[in-house]
Protein backbone atom coordinates (compact mmCIF):
# COMPACT_ATOMS: atom_id res chain seq x y z
CA MET A 1 21.96 -6.27 14.63
CA THR A 2 18.65 -5.79 12.96
CA HIS A 3 17.09 -2.41 11.23
CA THR A 4 13.88 -1.67 11.69
CA HIS A 5 10.68 -1.98 13.67
CA SER A 6 9.51 -5.27 13.96
CA ASN A 7 10.01 -8.11 12.98
CA LEU A 8 7.08 -8.21 10.54
CA PHE A 9 9.66 -5.75 8.81
CA GLN A 10 12.43 -8.21 8.13
CA PRO A 11 13.23 -10.51 5.79
CA HIS A 12 12.09 -13.83 6.26
CA SER A 13 14.91 -16.03 3.84
CA HIS A 14 18.26 -15.14 3.72
CA HIS A 15 18.70 -16.46 0.14
CA GLY A 16 17.74 -15.86 -3.37
CA HIS A 17 14.79 -14.25 -5.37
CA ARG A 18 12.73 -14.54 -1.69
CA HIS A 19 15.59 -12.49 0.16
CA VAL A 20 15.59 -9.22 -2.45
CA GLN A 21 12.26 -9.43 -2.29
CA ASP A 22 11.26 -9.50 1.09
CA THR A 23 14.52 -6.57 1.50
CA ASP A 24 12.37 -4.43 -1.40
CA ASP A 25 9.64 -4.99 0.71
CA GLN A 26 10.96 -4.18 4.44
CA ALA A 27 12.25 -1.05 2.47
CA LYS A 28 8.95 0.08 1.19
CA ILE A 29 7.81 0.05 4.35
CA LEU A 30 10.55 2.39 5.75
CA ASP A 31 10.39 4.53 3.58
CA LEU A 32 5.94 4.64 3.92
CA ASP A 33 6.69 4.97 7.53
CA ALA A 34 8.84 7.91 7.05
CA LYS A 35 6.58 9.17 4.75
CA VAL A 36 3.33 9.02 7.35
CA PHE A 37 5.22 10.26 10.48
CA THR A 38 7.90 12.81 9.24
CA GLU A 39 5.17 15.39 11.35
CA HIS A 40 5.53 13.17 14.36
CA THR A 41 9.33 12.64 14.08
CA ASN A 42 9.80 16.35 13.67
CA ALA A 43 8.14 16.64 16.67
CA ILE A 44 10.25 14.61 18.66
CA THR A 45 13.50 15.90 17.18
CA ALA A 46 12.46 19.43 18.15
CA TRP A 47 11.33 18.06 21.67
CA LEU A 48 15.12 16.90 22.40
CA PRO A 49 16.59 18.60 25.46
CA LEU A 50 19.83 19.62 23.69
CA GLN A 51 22.76 21.16 25.37
CA GLY A 52 24.96 23.24 23.62
CA ASP A 53 26.32 22.35 19.91
CA THR A 54 25.04 19.70 17.74
CA SER A 55 27.78 18.71 15.03
CA GLU A 56 27.98 14.93 15.08
CA ILE A 57 24.90 12.44 15.60
CA VAL A 58 24.99 8.74 15.01
CA ASP A 59 21.68 7.50 13.77
CA LEU A 60 21.89 3.79 14.91
CA GLY A 61 19.77 1.18 13.17
CA CYS A 62 18.74 3.93 10.39
CA GLY A 63 16.83 2.11 8.47
CA THR A 64 16.53 3.77 4.79
CA GLY A 65 16.92 6.97 6.97
CA ALA A 66 13.76 8.03 8.42
CA GLY A 67 15.62 9.41 11.56
CA THR A 68 18.61 10.20 9.73
CA PHE A 69 17.30 13.23 6.87
CA ALA A 70 14.62 14.52 10.50
CA LEU A 71 17.73 14.90 12.25
CA LEU A 72 19.82 16.85 9.22
CA ALA A 73 17.10 18.91 8.72
CA ARG A 74 16.51 19.52 12.48
CA PHE A 75 20.43 20.11 12.95
CA SER A 76 21.02 22.47 9.39
CA ARG A 77 25.05 22.28 10.38
CA ALA A 78 25.39 18.67 11.91
CA ARG A 79 26.64 15.95 10.11
CA VAL A 80 25.16 12.17 10.66
CA THR A 81 26.66 8.54 10.92
CA ALA A 82 23.70 6.36 9.54
CA VAL A 83 24.51 2.66 11.04
CA ASP A 84 22.59 -0.46 9.76
CA SER A 85 23.51 -3.96 9.28
CA SER A 86 21.89 -3.58 5.70
CA ALA A 87 24.14 -2.91 2.61
CA GLU A 88 20.98 -2.22 0.95
CA HIS A 89 18.94 0.05 2.84
CA LEU A 90 22.84 1.87 3.50
CA ARG A 91 22.61 2.13 -0.38
CA ARG A 92 19.18 3.80 -0.70
CA LEU A 93 19.91 6.50 2.26
CA ARG A 94 22.83 7.53 0.27
CA GLU A 95 20.45 7.80 -3.59
CA LYS A 96 18.59 9.85 -1.13
CA ALA A 97 21.05 11.80 0.59
CA GLU A 98 22.67 12.68 -2.80
CA GLU A 99 18.97 13.64 -4.52
CA ALA A 100 18.00 15.67 -1.55
CA GLY A 101 21.83 17.30 -1.64
CA VAL A 102 23.15 16.04 1.86
CA LEU A 103 25.34 13.52 0.84
CA ASP A 104 28.41 15.63 1.87
CA ARG A 105 26.58 15.48 5.40
CA VAL A 106 26.50 12.03 5.52
CA ARG A 107 28.22 9.04 6.29
CA THR A 108 27.02 5.33 6.30
CA VAL A 109 28.54 2.67 8.11
CA ARG A 110 27.61 -1.09 7.87
CA ALA A 111 27.83 -2.62 11.13
CA ASP A 112 26.41 -5.56 13.08
CA LEU A 113 26.22 -3.51 16.68
CA ASP A 114 25.47 -6.79 18.49
CA GLN A 115 29.51 -8.03 18.09
CA ARG A 116 31.51 -6.74 21.45
CA ASP A 117 34.15 -4.44 18.75
CA TRP A 118 32.39 -1.34 17.35
CA PRO A 119 33.80 0.34 14.13
CA ASP A 120 34.85 3.85 14.78
CA LEU A 121 31.51 6.32 15.38
CA GLY A 122 33.59 9.28 16.16
CA THR A 123 32.56 10.59 19.44
CA PRO A 124 28.82 12.51 19.17
CA ASP A 125 27.12 15.21 20.40
CA LEU A 126 23.74 13.17 20.22
CA VAL A 127 23.18 9.13 18.75
CA TRP A 128 19.31 8.69 17.90
CA ALA A 129 17.91 5.33 17.77
CA SER A 130 14.74 4.40 16.53
CA ALA A 131 13.08 1.37 17.42
CA SER A 132 15.98 -0.35 17.30
CA MET A 133 17.07 -0.88 20.53
CA HIS A 134 15.02 -3.72 21.38
CA HIS A 135 16.13 -5.52 18.48
CA MET A 136 19.77 -6.48 20.10
CA ALA A 137 20.88 -9.30 21.37
CA GLU A 138 22.21 -7.47 24.84
CA PRO A 139 20.84 -4.27 25.06
CA ASP A 140 22.26 -3.61 28.35
CA GLN A 141 25.66 -4.32 26.40
CA ALA A 142 24.37 -2.32 23.79
CA LEU A 143 23.31 0.84 26.00
CA ARG A 144 27.15 0.58 27.69
CA GLY A 145 28.36 0.95 24.09
CA VAL A 146 26.69 3.78 23.86
CA HIS A 147 26.79 5.51 26.72
CA ASP A 148 30.91 5.16 26.27
CA LEU A 149 30.57 6.45 22.60
CA LEU A 150 28.88 9.74 23.61
CA ARG A 151 30.83 13.12 24.33
CA PRO A 152 30.64 13.73 27.86
CA GLY A 153 26.89 16.06 28.45
CA GLY A 154 26.13 14.06 25.08
CA LEU A 155 22.19 13.22 24.50
CA PHE A 156 21.25 9.70 23.77
CA ALA A 157 17.24 9.42 22.10
CA VAL A 158 15.48 6.36 21.89
CA VAL A 159 12.23 6.00 20.31
CA GLU A 160 10.18 2.74 21.08
CA LEU A 161 7.18 1.78 19.17
CA ALA A 162 4.02 0.52 21.21
CA GLY A 163 3.93 -2.20 18.52
CA LEU A 164 2.26 -1.63 14.70
CA PRO A 165 -0.17 0.48 14.05
CA ARG A 166 -3.95 -0.43 13.92
CA PHE A 167 -5.91 0.74 10.78
CA LEU A 168 -9.30 -0.79 11.44
CA PRO A 169 -12.48 -0.30 14.01
CA GLU A 170 -12.39 -2.89 16.92
CA ASP A 171 -15.64 -4.39 15.35
CA ALA A 172 -14.52 -4.25 11.91
CA PRO A 173 -14.68 -6.09 9.50
CA ALA A 174 -19.03 -6.50 10.12
CA GLU A 175 -18.27 -10.71 9.14
CA ARG A 176 -15.26 -10.85 11.72
CA PRO A 177 -14.83 -7.80 14.41
CA GLY A 178 -11.98 -8.23 16.10
CA LEU A 179 -9.78 -9.77 13.21
CA GLU A 180 -6.99 -6.60 13.50
CA GLU A 181 -6.45 -7.42 16.66
CA ARG A 182 -6.51 -10.99 16.43
CA CYS A 183 -4.08 -11.25 13.71
CA HIS A 184 -1.31 -8.74 15.76
CA ALA A 185 -1.78 -11.23 19.08
CA ALA A 186 -1.24 -14.15 16.64
CA ALA A 187 1.74 -11.84 15.27
CA ASP A 188 3.26 -11.10 18.89
CA HIS A 189 2.74 -14.22 20.08
CA GLY A 190 5.23 -15.75 17.29
CA HIS A 191 7.95 -12.58 17.67
CA ALA A 192 7.54 -12.47 21.82
CA GLY A 193 10.50 -15.40 22.04
CA ARG A 194 12.75 -13.51 19.17
CA VAL A 195 12.27 -9.93 20.47
CA PRO A 196 11.87 -9.61 24.16
CA HIS A 197 12.21 -5.98 24.60
CA ARG A 198 9.97 -4.76 22.25
CA GLY A 199 8.01 -2.29 24.00
CA ALA A 200 9.87 -1.91 26.70
CA ASP A 201 10.71 0.84 29.21
CA TRP A 202 13.88 1.64 28.96
CA GLY A 203 14.32 4.58 31.42
CA PRO A 204 15.28 1.88 33.92
CA LYS A 205 17.56 0.37 31.51
CA LEU A 206 19.02 3.36 30.57
CA LEU A 207 19.62 4.36 34.08
CA ASP A 208 21.50 1.48 35.01
CA ALA A 209 23.81 1.94 31.86
CA GLY A 210 25.18 4.69 33.50
CA PHE A 211 22.73 7.33 31.84
CA THR A 212 20.62 10.47 33.83
CA LEU A 213 17.32 10.42 32.66
CA GLU A 214 16.50 14.40 30.79
CA GLY A 215 12.73 13.73 29.86
CA GLU A 216 10.01 10.92 28.54
CA TYR A 217 7.74 11.93 25.73
CA THR A 218 5.14 9.79 24.36
CA LEU A 219 3.38 10.73 21.18
CA THR A 220 -0.08 9.94 20.49
CA VAL A 221 -0.95 9.31 16.42
CA ASN A 222 -4.49 8.93 15.19
CA LEU A 223 -4.89 9.98 11.45
CA ASP A 224 -7.60 9.83 9.30
CA GLY A 225 -6.50 7.25 6.53
CA ALA A 226 -9.88 7.57 4.70
CA GLY A 227 -8.43 8.49 1.31
CA ASP A 228 -5.10 9.06 1.68
CA GLU A 229 -3.14 7.24 -0.54
CA THR A 230 -0.20 7.16 1.62
CA ILE A 231 -1.40 5.64 4.36
CA GLY A 232 -3.50 3.24 2.58
CA SER A 233 -0.38 2.13 1.01
CA TYR A 234 1.56 1.98 4.53
CA ALA A 235 -2.15 -0.43 5.20
CA LEU A 236 -1.80 -2.81 2.78
CA THR A 237 1.69 -2.89 3.18
CA VAL A 238 2.10 -3.39 6.84
CA LEU A 239 -1.01 -6.24 6.78
CA ARG A 240 0.02 -8.04 3.63
CA ARG A 241 3.18 -8.08 5.88
CA LEU A 242 1.45 -9.24 8.71
CA ARG A 243 -0.58 -12.23 6.75
CA GLN A 244 2.84 -13.73 5.86
CA SER A 245 3.40 -13.62 9.74
CA VAL A 246 0.10 -15.27 10.53
CA ALA A 247 -1.03 -17.34 7.73
CA LYS A 248 -0.51 -20.72 9.50
CA THR A 249 -2.28 -19.99 12.67
CA LEU A 250 -5.53 -17.59 11.65
CA SER A 251 -9.04 -19.37 11.38
CA LYS A 252 -9.86 -20.13 7.52
CA ALA A 253 -12.46 -17.43 8.49
CA ASP A 254 -10.19 -14.59 9.73
CA LEU A 255 -7.72 -15.44 6.79
CA ALA A 256 -11.08 -15.38 4.17
CA ALA A 257 -11.73 -11.90 6.31
CA LEU A 258 -8.53 -10.76 6.02
CA ASP A 259 -7.86 -11.18 2.15
CA ARG A 260 -11.06 -9.18 1.13
CA LEU A 261 -10.01 -6.72 2.99
CA LEU A 262 -6.39 -7.14 0.95
CA ASP A 263 -7.99 -7.60 -2.50
CA THR A 264 -7.89 -4.65 -4.10
CA GLU A 265 -9.58 -5.05 -7.40
CA GLY A 266 -12.94 -6.05 -4.33
CA PRO A 267 -15.47 -4.51 -3.05
CA HIS A 268 -14.24 -4.82 0.41
CA GLY A 269 -11.05 -3.95 -0.06
CA LEU A 270 -9.45 -1.73 2.45
CA LEU A 271 -9.06 0.64 0.57
CA ASP A 272 -12.47 1.91 -0.31
CA ARG A 273 -12.80 1.74 3.54
CA GLU A 274 -14.45 5.16 5.07
CA ASP A 275 -13.20 3.90 8.37
CA LEU A 276 -9.80 3.75 7.58
CA MET A 277 -7.74 5.27 10.65
CA MET A 278 -4.13 4.46 11.26
CA ARG A 279 -3.14 4.17 15.30
CA THR A 280 -0.32 4.51 17.34
CA GLU A 281 2.32 5.07 20.10
CA ARG A 282 5.61 6.31 20.54
CA THR A 283 7.70 6.83 23.54
CA VAL A 284 10.89 8.68 23.64
CA TRP A 285 13.76 8.78 26.27
CA ALA A 286 16.29 11.51 26.29
CA ALA A 287 19.03 10.39 28.73
CA ARG A 288 22.98 12.05 29.17
CA ARG A 289 25.72 11.02 29.76
CA GLU A 290 27.19 13.61 32.31
CA GLY A 291 30.68 15.40 32.04
């Protein structure tokens, strides 16, 4: 199982310095994503239609812990088992938990959930999977696995992204209008075969796995990024990663325009734009295992 919300954020190589650099870049994006979306993640956890006590939680595909820490804050007496395939991400999560004084409430488990034999994850009251289910090789099998894992009456929250965030107006930049959308289209074309379930409607799949749907909630995000250091850093990191993915397929004119946006020393850099925005959507499905 992979562990983040886009193949753009996954390592491109598994060897040597490049792998270390990619893992660091990926972790940086996950940490920035957690910071930018803190308020929205809290809104999702507050919306969850829970019943009874929530003391045991599993965070599937936890990355560096955005969901884990939101859940720890939302459920002050709960323990979270954070599951991921990346040892480095789990190490960073433990470090952050120790700094926050909540390490005693966190258990980390390294696992590939595409395997049929899952590790012992207890009998949780809540399973949280944010932008991780679409990476499963056999998501239907994984959904059934979660159903069997939950205690009777327990809740499964699946959070899905509507693709990567957008940061520029459609008519930007002036010399190459629509540049960002062409970059995303090229990246989506390249990843379509590898991540076919990204952006899926998980409702029918959850019903097929034996769950009862309790609700669906779509959160629309529009944040002004002009002069915002965190959103600016997030935009730069995402678009730099996007450039790596599409460099061979973009036209020379588009690639040059993208490089001007990514040049933090130049006069046309992304961070100096007054129209910098962050736009995206996140949808959550709440599904219950009947008692």
